[in-house]
Amino acid sequence: MILRKAEPEDLAQIDKIYTLAKKFMRENGNPNQWKGDYPNAVDAKEDIDNGIGYVCEDGGEVVAVFAFKKGIEPTYNKIFEGSWKNSLPYAFMHRIAVLYHGKGIIDFCFNECFRRFPNLKIDTHRDNIPMQKVLRRNGFEYCGIIYLENGEERLAFQRGA
């Protein structure tokens, strides 16, 4: 497997992955995290244009997609009912989705991003139990609650020093 920047040619496969991920969420007790058409190829195109869109490729097939950015995530500035592990510079990941479950794809993505920037933050919906399990398995610790710009609550996790 390799991690690389997403390219416009990847958008059809990315859209497919997001569609399947939304279906997986709904079937696994998380009907509210990604509502409607979000995320989709338009969001992925914006990530590509901003230089933060990434894909994981396995044998020439795009099998995962996510946004990965070093810097400040404004919604992480305030955390409730807990605290971040540290105040060091960090990278964060958003909109992560995989094509196949149980193949170690998401573990590879998390580990490769951690290798590139060893202080990672991420958030997920309270109902996204599969993602919470994957995060803990990959060394992320629960830190507290953050709120998105639209006011929705998310559970915040961090892996780092």
N, C-alpha and C. Protein backbone atom coordinates (compact mmCIF):
# COMPACT_ATOMS: atom_id res chain seq x y z
N MET A 1 0.84 -1.18 0.00
CA MET A 1 0.00 0.00 0.00
C MET A 1 0.88 1.24 0.00
N ILE A 2 0.36 2.27 -0.63
CA ILE A 2 1.05 3.56 -0.62
C ILE A 2 0.04 4.66 -0.32
N LEU A 3 0.54 5.72 0.29
CA LEU A 3 -0.25 6.91 0.53
C LEU A 3 0.26 7.98 -0.41
N ARG A 4 -0.66 8.65 -1.07
CA ARG A 4 -0.24 9.72 -1.98
C ARG A 4 -1.31 10.80 -2.01
N LYS A 5 -0.92 11.95 -2.55
CA LYS A 5 -1.88 13.04 -2.73
C LYS A 5 -2.93 12.59 -3.75
N ALA A 6 -4.16 12.94 -3.48
CA ALA A 6 -5.24 12.63 -4.40
C ALA A 6 -5.13 13.52 -5.63
N GLU A 7 -5.60 12.98 -6.75
CA GLU A 7 -5.58 13.70 -8.02
C GLU A 7 -6.99 13.75 -8.59
N PRO A 8 -7.27 14.70 -9.47
CA PRO A 8 -8.62 14.78 -10.05
C PRO A 8 -9.09 13.47 -10.69
N GLU A 9 -8.16 12.69 -11.22
CA GLU A 9 -8.51 11.41 -11.83
C GLU A 9 -9.06 10.41 -10.82
N ASP A 10 -8.85 10.66 -9.54
CA ASP A 10 -9.31 9.77 -8.48
C ASP A 10 -10.75 10.06 -8.05
N LEU A 11 -11.33 11.14 -8.51
CA LEU A 11 -12.60 11.60 -7.96
C LEU A 11 -13.75 10.61 -8.10
N ALA A 12 -13.85 9.90 -9.20
CA ALA A 12 -14.94 8.93 -9.35
C ALA A 12 -14.81 7.82 -8.31
N GLN A 13 -13.59 7.32 -8.09
CA GLN A 13 -13.38 6.27 -7.09
C GLN A 13 -13.60 6.81 -5.67
N ILE A 14 -13.17 8.04 -5.43
CA ILE A 14 -13.38 8.67 -4.12
C ILE A 14 -14.87 8.78 -3.84
N ASP A 15 -15.63 9.23 -4.82
CA ASP A 15 -17.08 9.36 -4.64
C ASP A 15 -17.71 8.00 -4.33
N LYS A 16 -17.24 6.95 -4.99
CA LYS A 16 -17.72 5.60 -4.72
C LYS A 16 -17.41 5.19 -3.28
N ILE A 17 -16.20 5.47 -2.84
CA ILE A 17 -15.80 5.13 -1.47
C ILE A 17 -16.66 5.86 -0.46
N TYR A 18 -16.90 7.15 -0.69
CA TYR A 18 -17.75 7.91 0.24
C TYR A 18 -19.18 7.37 0.25
N THR A 19 -19.71 7.00 -0.89
CA THR A 19 -21.07 6.45 -0.96
C THR A 19 -21.16 5.16 -0.16
N LEU A 20 -20.18 4.28 -0.33
CA LEU A 20 -20.16 3.02 0.43
C LEU A 20 -19.95 3.26 1.92
N ALA A 21 -19.15 4.26 2.27
CA ALA A 21 -18.90 4.56 3.69
C ALA A 21 -20.18 5.05 4.36
N LYS A 22 -20.95 5.88 3.67
CA LYS A 22 -22.22 6.36 4.25
C LYS A 22 -23.18 5.20 4.46
N LYS A 23 -23.21 4.29 3.52
CA LYS A 23 -24.06 3.10 3.65
C LYS A 23 -23.60 2.27 4.85
N PHE A 24 -22.28 2.06 4.99
CA PHE A 24 -21.73 1.31 6.12
C PHE A 24 -22.10 1.96 7.44
N MET A 25 -21.99 3.29 7.51
CA MET A 25 -22.34 4.00 8.74
C MET A 25 -23.80 3.76 9.12
N ARG A 26 -24.68 3.93 8.15
CA ARG A 26 -26.12 3.75 8.41
C ARG A 26 -26.41 2.32 8.87
N GLU A 27 -25.74 1.35 8.29
CA GLU A 27 -25.97 -0.05 8.64
C GLU A 27 -25.34 -0.44 9.97
N ASN A 28 -24.47 0.42 10.52
CA ASN A 28 -23.78 0.11 11.76
C ASN A 28 -24.10 1.11 12.87
N GLY A 29 -25.33 1.60 12.89
CA GLY A 29 -25.81 2.42 13.99
C GLY A 29 -25.38 3.87 13.99
N ASN A 30 -24.94 4.39 12.85
CA ASN A 30 -24.48 5.78 12.78
C ASN A 30 -25.16 6.48 11.59
N PRO A 31 -26.46 6.76 11.69
CA PRO A 31 -27.17 7.37 10.57
C PRO A 31 -27.01 8.88 10.45
N ASN A 32 -26.37 9.53 11.42
CA ASN A 32 -26.38 10.99 11.46
C ASN A 32 -25.05 11.68 11.18
N GLN A 33 -23.95 10.92 11.08
CA GLN A 33 -22.66 11.61 10.95
C GLN A 33 -22.49 12.27 9.58
N TRP A 34 -22.64 11.54 8.53
CA TRP A 34 -22.52 12.11 7.19
C TRP A 34 -23.90 12.12 6.57
N LYS A 35 -24.54 13.27 6.64
CA LYS A 35 -25.92 13.40 6.18
C LYS A 35 -25.97 13.82 4.72
N GLY A 36 -27.06 13.43 4.06
CA GLY A 36 -27.28 13.87 2.68
C GLY A 36 -26.17 13.46 1.76
N ASP A 37 -25.68 14.42 1.00
CA ASP A 37 -24.68 14.16 -0.02
C ASP A 37 -23.25 14.34 0.50
N TYR A 38 -23.09 14.74 1.75
CA TYR A 38 -21.76 15.00 2.31
C TYR A 38 -21.16 13.73 2.90
N PRO A 39 -19.86 13.49 2.69
CA PRO A 39 -18.96 14.11 1.72
C PRO A 39 -19.12 13.47 0.34
N ASN A 40 -18.61 14.14 -0.65
CA ASN A 40 -18.73 13.66 -2.02
C ASN A 40 -17.53 14.12 -2.85
N ALA A 41 -17.62 13.94 -4.14
CA ALA A 41 -16.51 14.29 -5.02
C ALA A 41 -16.22 15.79 -5.01
N VAL A 42 -17.23 16.61 -4.77
CA VAL A 42 -17.02 18.06 -4.70
C VAL A 42 -16.14 18.39 -3.49
N ASP A 43 -16.44 17.77 -2.35
CA ASP A 43 -15.60 17.99 -1.16
C ASP A 43 -14.19 17.48 -1.40
N ALA A 44 -14.07 16.33 -2.04
CA ALA A 44 -12.75 15.76 -2.35
C ALA A 44 -11.98 16.67 -3.31
N LYS A 45 -12.67 17.25 -4.28
CA LYS A 45 -12.02 18.17 -5.24
C LYS A 45 -11.49 19.40 -4.50
N GLU A 46 -12.25 19.89 -3.54
CA GLU A 46 -11.80 21.02 -2.73
C GLU A 46 -10.56 20.63 -1.93
N ASP A 47 -10.55 19.43 -1.36
CA ASP A 47 -9.36 18.95 -0.64
C ASP A 47 -8.16 18.87 -1.57
N ILE A 48 -8.37 18.36 -2.77
CA ILE A 48 -7.28 18.27 -3.76
C ILE A 48 -6.77 19.66 -4.09
N ASP A 49 -7.69 20.59 -4.36
CA ASP A 49 -7.30 21.96 -4.70
C ASP A 49 -6.53 22.64 -3.57
N ASN A 50 -6.86 22.27 -2.32
CA ASN A 50 -6.19 22.86 -1.16
C ASN A 50 -4.94 22.10 -0.75
N GLY A 51 -4.61 21.03 -1.49
CA GLY A 51 -3.40 20.27 -1.21
C GLY A 51 -3.48 19.37 0.01
N ILE A 52 -4.70 19.05 0.47
CA ILE A 52 -4.84 18.23 1.67
C ILE A 52 -5.57 16.91 1.40
N GLY A 53 -5.92 16.65 0.16
CA GLY A 53 -6.59 15.40 -0.20
C GLY A 53 -5.59 14.28 -0.41
N TYR A 54 -5.82 13.15 0.25
CA TYR A 54 -4.95 11.99 0.15
C TYR A 54 -5.75 10.74 -0.16
N VAL A 55 -5.08 9.80 -0.79
CA VAL A 55 -5.67 8.48 -1.02
C VAL A 55 -4.64 7.42 -0.64
N CYS A 56 -5.17 6.26 -0.32
CA CYS A 56 -4.34 5.08 -0.12
C CYS A 56 -4.60 4.19 -1.33
N GLU A 57 -3.53 3.73 -1.92
CA GLU A 57 -3.62 2.90 -3.11
C GLU A 57 -3.03 1.53 -2.79
N ASP A 58 -3.71 0.50 -3.25
CA ASP A 58 -3.24 -0.86 -3.05
C ASP A 58 -3.33 -1.59 -4.38
N GLY A 59 -2.20 -1.96 -4.91
CA GLY A 59 -2.17 -2.65 -6.19
C GLY A 59 -2.78 -1.83 -7.32
N GLY A 60 -2.61 -0.52 -7.27
CA GLY A 60 -3.15 0.36 -8.30
C GLY A 60 -4.59 0.78 -8.08
N GLU A 61 -5.25 0.25 -7.05
CA GLU A 61 -6.64 0.60 -6.75
C GLU A 61 -6.70 1.56 -5.56
N VAL A 62 -7.45 2.64 -5.72
CA VAL A 62 -7.66 3.57 -4.61
C VAL A 62 -8.61 2.91 -3.63
N VAL A 63 -8.14 2.70 -2.39
CA VAL A 63 -8.92 1.96 -1.40
C VAL A 63 -9.28 2.78 -0.17
N ALA A 64 -8.78 4.01 -0.08
CA ALA A 64 -9.13 4.89 1.03
C ALA A 64 -8.94 6.34 0.60
N VAL A 65 -9.65 7.22 1.30
CA VAL A 65 -9.56 8.65 1.02
C VAL A 65 -9.67 9.39 2.35
N PHE A 66 -9.00 10.54 2.44
CA PHE A 66 -9.11 11.38 3.62
C PHE A 66 -8.42 12.72 3.36
N ALA A 67 -8.72 13.67 4.23
CA ALA A 67 -8.02 14.96 4.25
C ALA A 67 -7.00 14.89 5.37
N PHE A 68 -5.80 15.40 5.10
CA PHE A 68 -4.70 15.39 6.07
C PHE A 68 -4.01 16.74 5.99
N LYS A 69 -3.99 17.45 7.11
CA LYS A 69 -3.43 18.79 7.09
C LYS A 69 -2.62 19.06 8.35
N LYS A 70 -1.47 19.65 8.18
CA LYS A 70 -0.66 20.13 9.29
C LYS A 70 -1.09 21.56 9.57
N GLY A 71 -1.35 21.86 10.82
CA GLY A 71 -1.77 23.21 11.16
C GLY A 71 -2.92 23.23 12.13
N ILE A 72 -3.61 24.33 12.17
CA ILE A 72 -4.67 24.55 13.14
C ILE A 72 -6.03 24.18 12.55
N GLU A 73 -6.78 23.39 13.30
CA GLU A 73 -8.18 23.11 12.99
C GLU A 73 -8.98 23.97 13.97
N PRO A 74 -9.66 25.03 13.48
CA PRO A 74 -10.33 25.97 14.40
C PRO A 74 -11.30 25.31 15.38
N THR A 75 -11.99 24.26 14.96
CA THR A 75 -12.95 23.63 15.88
C THR A 75 -12.25 22.88 17.01
N TYR A 76 -10.93 22.72 16.93
CA TYR A 76 -10.19 22.05 17.99
C TYR A 76 -9.65 23.05 19.04
N ASN A 77 -9.87 24.33 18.81
CA ASN A 77 -9.35 25.34 19.75
C ASN A 77 -10.00 25.24 21.12
N LYS A 78 -11.26 24.83 21.16
CA LYS A 78 -11.95 24.66 22.44
C LYS A 78 -12.37 23.20 22.57
N ILE A 79 -11.98 22.60 23.68
CA ILE A 79 -12.35 21.22 23.95
C ILE A 79 -13.05 21.20 25.31
N PHE A 80 -14.10 20.42 25.39
CA PHE A 80 -14.92 20.38 26.59
C PHE A 80 -14.86 18.99 27.22
N GLU A 81 -15.07 18.96 28.53
CA GLU A 81 -15.09 17.71 29.29
C GLU A 81 -13.82 16.89 29.10
N GLY A 82 -12.69 17.60 29.02
CA GLY A 82 -11.40 16.95 28.85
C GLY A 82 -10.37 17.95 28.36
N SER A 83 -9.28 17.44 27.85
CA SER A 83 -8.22 18.30 27.31
C SER A 83 -7.39 17.50 26.31
N TRP A 84 -6.73 18.24 25.43
CA TRP A 84 -5.82 17.61 24.49
C TRP A 84 -4.61 17.08 25.26
N LYS A 85 -3.93 16.10 24.72
CA LYS A 85 -2.77 15.48 25.36
C LYS A 85 -1.61 16.47 25.49
N ASN A 86 -1.50 17.39 24.54
CA ASN A 86 -0.43 18.38 24.56
C ASN A 86 -0.85 19.57 23.71
N SER A 87 -0.03 20.60 23.73
CA SER A 87 -0.32 21.80 22.94
C SER A 87 0.72 21.99 21.83
N LEU A 88 1.38 20.90 21.46
CA LEU A 88 2.38 20.95 20.40
C LEU A 88 1.72 21.09 19.04
N PRO A 89 2.46 21.54 18.03
CA PRO A 89 1.90 21.55 16.67
C PRO A 89 1.38 20.17 16.30
N TYR A 90 0.33 20.14 15.50
CA TYR A 90 -0.31 18.87 15.17
C TYR A 90 -0.79 18.87 13.72
N ALA A 91 -1.11 17.69 13.26
CA ALA A 91 -1.80 17.50 11.98
C ALA A 91 -3.15 16.88 12.33
N PHE A 92 -4.09 17.02 11.43
CA PHE A 92 -5.40 16.43 11.67
C PHE A 92 -5.91 15.75 10.42
N MET A 93 -6.83 14.83 10.64
CA MET A 93 -7.41 14.05 9.55
C MET A 93 -8.93 14.22 9.59
N HIS A 94 -9.52 14.35 8.42
CA HIS A 94 -10.98 14.45 8.29
C HIS A 94 -11.45 13.57 7.13
N ARG A 95 -12.71 13.24 7.15
CA ARG A 95 -13.40 12.55 6.05
C ARG A 95 -12.69 11.27 5.61
N ILE A 96 -12.23 10.49 6.58
CA ILE A 96 -11.55 9.24 6.22
C ILE A 96 -12.58 8.15 5.94
N ALA A 97 -12.37 7.47 4.83
CA ALA A 97 -13.27 6.37 4.43
C ALA A 97 -12.46 5.34 3.68
N VAL A 98 -12.83 4.07 3.87
CA VAL A 98 -12.13 2.98 3.20
C VAL A 98 -13.10 2.20 2.33
N LEU A 99 -12.55 1.57 1.30
CA LEU A 99 -13.34 0.77 0.38
C LEU A 99 -13.66 -0.60 0.97
N TYR A 100 -12.67 -1.20 1.63
CA TYR A 100 -12.82 -2.53 2.21
C TYR A 100 -12.56 -2.48 3.71
N HIS A 101 -13.37 -3.17 4.47
CA HIS A 101 -13.19 -3.23 5.92
C HIS A 101 -12.47 -4.52 6.30
N GLY A 102 -11.69 -4.45 7.37
CA GLY A 102 -10.99 -5.63 7.86
C GLY A 102 -9.74 -6.00 7.09
N LYS A 103 -9.22 -5.08 6.29
CA LYS A 103 -8.03 -5.35 5.48
C LYS A 103 -6.79 -4.59 5.97
N GLY A 104 -6.93 -3.84 7.07
CA GLY A 104 -5.79 -3.08 7.60
C GLY A 104 -5.54 -1.77 6.86
N ILE A 105 -6.45 -1.36 6.02
CA ILE A 105 -6.24 -0.14 5.23
C ILE A 105 -6.21 1.09 6.12
N ILE A 106 -7.18 1.19 7.01
CA ILE A 106 -7.25 2.37 7.86
C ILE A 106 -6.06 2.41 8.82
N ASP A 107 -5.62 1.24 9.30
CA ASP A 107 -4.44 1.19 10.17
C ASP A 107 -3.22 1.72 9.42
N PHE A 108 -3.07 1.31 8.17
CA PHE A 108 -1.95 1.78 7.36
C PHE A 108 -2.01 3.30 7.22
N CYS A 109 -3.19 3.84 6.94
CA CYS A 109 -3.34 5.29 6.77
C CYS A 109 -2.97 6.04 8.04
N PHE A 110 -3.50 5.59 9.18
CA PHE A 110 -3.18 6.25 10.44
C PHE A 110 -1.69 6.18 10.74
N ASN A 111 -1.09 5.02 10.57
CA ASN A 111 0.33 4.87 10.88
C ASN A 111 1.21 5.68 9.95
N GLU A 112 0.86 5.74 8.68
CA GLU A 112 1.65 6.52 7.74
C GLU A 112 1.53 8.02 8.03
N CYS A 113 0.34 8.49 8.37
CA CYS A 113 0.17 9.90 8.72
C CYS A 113 0.92 10.23 10.00
N PHE A 114 0.89 9.31 10.97
CA PHE A 114 1.62 9.52 12.22
C PHE A 114 3.12 9.55 11.96
N ARG A 115 3.58 8.73 11.04
CA ARG A 115 5.01 8.74 10.69
C ARG A 115 5.38 10.10 10.08
N ARG A 116 4.49 10.67 9.29
CA ARG A 116 4.75 11.95 8.64
C ARG A 116 4.65 13.13 9.61
N PHE A 117 3.78 13.00 10.61
CA PHE A 117 3.61 14.05 11.61
C PHE A 117 3.16 13.40 12.91
N PRO A 118 4.07 13.20 13.87
CA PRO A 118 3.77 12.36 15.04
C PRO A 118 2.97 13.04 16.16
N ASN A 119 2.01 13.83 15.79
CA ASN A 119 1.06 14.39 16.74
C ASN A 119 -0.24 14.62 15.95
N LEU A 120 -1.16 13.67 16.05
CA LEU A 120 -2.37 13.68 15.22
C LEU A 120 -3.61 13.88 16.07
N LYS A 121 -4.54 14.65 15.50
CA LYS A 121 -5.85 14.83 16.11
C LYS A 121 -6.92 14.44 15.09
N ILE A 122 -8.04 13.94 15.62
CA ILE A 122 -9.14 13.52 14.77
C ILE A 122 -10.41 13.55 15.62
N ASP A 123 -11.55 13.66 14.98
CA ASP A 123 -12.81 13.60 15.71
C ASP A 123 -13.78 12.69 14.98
N THR A 124 -14.77 12.22 15.71
CA THR A 124 -15.78 11.36 15.11
C THR A 124 -17.09 11.52 15.87
N HIS A 125 -18.15 11.09 15.24
CA HIS A 125 -19.49 11.15 15.83
C HIS A 125 -19.60 10.15 16.98
N ARG A 126 -20.37 10.52 17.97
CA ARG A 126 -20.60 9.65 19.14
C ARG A 126 -21.13 8.28 18.73
N ASP A 127 -21.93 8.23 17.67
CA ASP A 127 -22.51 6.96 17.22
C ASP A 127 -21.58 6.12 16.34
N ASN A 128 -20.43 6.67 15.98
CA ASN A 128 -19.51 5.95 15.10
C ASN A 128 -18.61 5.02 15.93
N ILE A 129 -19.22 3.98 16.46
CA ILE A 129 -18.51 3.03 17.31
C ILE A 129 -17.39 2.31 16.54
N PRO A 130 -17.61 1.88 15.29
CA PRO A 130 -16.50 1.25 14.57
C PRO A 130 -15.26 2.14 14.48
N MET A 131 -15.45 3.44 14.20
CA MET A 131 -14.30 4.35 14.11
C MET A 131 -13.65 4.54 15.48
N GLN A 132 -14.44 4.63 16.52
CA GLN A 132 -13.87 4.79 17.86
C GLN A 132 -12.99 3.59 18.21
N LYS A 133 -13.43 2.40 17.86
CA LYS A 133 -12.64 1.19 18.12
C LYS A 133 -11.34 1.21 17.33
N VAL A 134 -11.42 1.62 16.06
CA VAL A 134 -10.23 1.68 15.21
C VAL A 134 -9.26 2.72 15.75
N LEU A 135 -9.77 3.86 16.18
CA LEU A 135 -8.89 4.90 16.73
C LEU A 135 -8.14 4.38 17.95
N ARG A 136 -8.86 3.78 18.88
CA ARG A 136 -8.21 3.27 20.09
C ARG A 136 -7.19 2.18 19.75
N ARG A 137 -7.53 1.32 18.80
CA ARG A 137 -6.61 0.26 18.38
C ARG A 137 -5.33 0.84 17.79
N ASN A 138 -5.43 2.03 17.23
CA ASN A 138 -4.28 2.66 16.59
C ASN A 138 -3.59 3.70 17.47
N GLY A 139 -3.81 3.62 18.77
CA GLY A 139 -3.07 4.46 19.70
C GLY A 139 -3.65 5.83 19.96
N PHE A 140 -4.83 6.13 19.44
CA PHE A 140 -5.47 7.40 19.72
C PHE A 140 -6.15 7.31 21.08
N GLU A 141 -6.09 8.40 21.82
CA GLU A 141 -6.73 8.47 23.12
C GLU A 141 -7.88 9.47 23.08
N TYR A 142 -8.97 9.12 23.74
CA TYR A 142 -10.11 10.03 23.84
C TYR A 142 -9.69 11.23 24.68
N CYS A 143 -9.99 12.45 24.20
CA CYS A 143 -9.57 13.66 24.90
C CYS A 143 -10.73 14.52 25.40
N GLY A 144 -11.89 14.44 24.77
CA GLY A 144 -13.02 15.27 25.16
C GLY A 144 -13.96 15.50 24.00
N ILE A 145 -14.72 16.57 24.09
CA ILE A 145 -15.74 16.89 23.09
C ILE A 145 -15.40 18.21 22.42
N ILE A 146 -15.55 18.24 21.11
CA ILE A 146 -15.44 19.49 20.35
C ILE A 146 -16.76 19.70 19.62
N TYR A 147 -16.95 20.91 19.15
CA TYR A 147 -18.17 21.23 18.40
C TYR A 147 -17.78 21.78 17.03
N LEU A 148 -18.42 21.24 16.01
CA LEU A 148 -18.20 21.70 14.65
C LEU A 148 -18.77 23.11 14.49
N GLU A 149 -18.43 23.75 13.38
CA GLU A 149 -18.94 25.09 13.11
C GLU A 149 -20.47 25.14 13.12
N ASN A 150 -21.12 24.05 12.73
CA ASN A 150 -22.59 24.02 12.70
C ASN A 150 -23.18 23.65 14.06
N GLY A 151 -22.33 23.48 15.07
CA GLY A 151 -22.79 23.19 16.42
C GLY A 151 -22.89 21.72 16.78
N GLU A 152 -22.66 20.84 15.81
CA GLU A 152 -22.74 19.40 16.10
C GLU A 152 -21.57 18.95 16.96
N GLU A 153 -21.88 18.07 17.91
CA GLU A 153 -20.88 17.52 18.82
C GLU A 153 -20.07 16.42 18.15
N ARG A 154 -18.77 16.36 18.50
CA ARG A 154 -17.92 15.27 18.06
C ARG A 154 -17.00 14.86 19.20
N LEU A 155 -16.64 13.60 19.23
CA LEU A 155 -15.67 13.09 20.18
C LEU A 155 -14.29 13.31 19.61
N ALA A 156 -13.40 13.86 20.43
CA ALA A 156 -12.06 14.23 19.98
C ALA A 156 -11.03 13.22 20.48
N PHE A 157 -10.11 12.85 19.58
CA PHE A 157 -9.06 11.89 19.88
C PHE A 157 -7.71 12.46 19.45
N GLN A 158 -6.67 12.00 20.12
CA GLN A 158 -5.31 12.44 19.77
C GLN A 158 -4.35 11.28 19.94
N ARG A 159 -3.37 11.24 19.05
CA ARG A 159 -2.25 10.29 19.14
C ARG A 159 -0.98 11.12 19.05
N GLY A 160 -0.18 11.04 20.07
CA GLY A 160 1.06 11.83 20.06
C GLY A 160 1.69 11.82 21.42
N ALA A 161 2.68 12.67 21.57
CA ALA A 161 3.46 12.74 22.81
C ALA A 161 2.62 13.18 23.99
